[in-house]
Amino acid sequence: MLVLNSIREFANLPEETREKYSSPESYHSFGWSHGKEKMKGGKSDTAKGSYYANPIRNSVTNDEELKKKFPSSYTDNIWPTKDLPSLEHSFMDMAKT
């Protein structure tokens, strides 16, 4: 399945389902982000949603201290394996091209 199809399916999941894959501890650098970025005047950007992941590796380190110290760089990818298992495969497959 193409990644665009998968992300469209994800975007159409209920909000409470999508939010399970949000990662405030990584400053929303991994997983789902919607309305977290602030625009001019402090207004939330709700015009788009984003799904962030490392396209090369699901985990770049096993060093838990690095993950804690630099979560926006070293958090493991967050995938909706129960709610939409096709997203991980299509995302990582796209990265190979």
Foldseek 3Di string as FASTA:
>chain_A
DALVVLVVVLVPPDPVLQCVQADVLLVRLAGKDAQSDADPPRGTHRVDMDHHADLAAQFDDPPVVCCNVNVVPGPGHGDSCPPRVVNVVNSNVVSVD
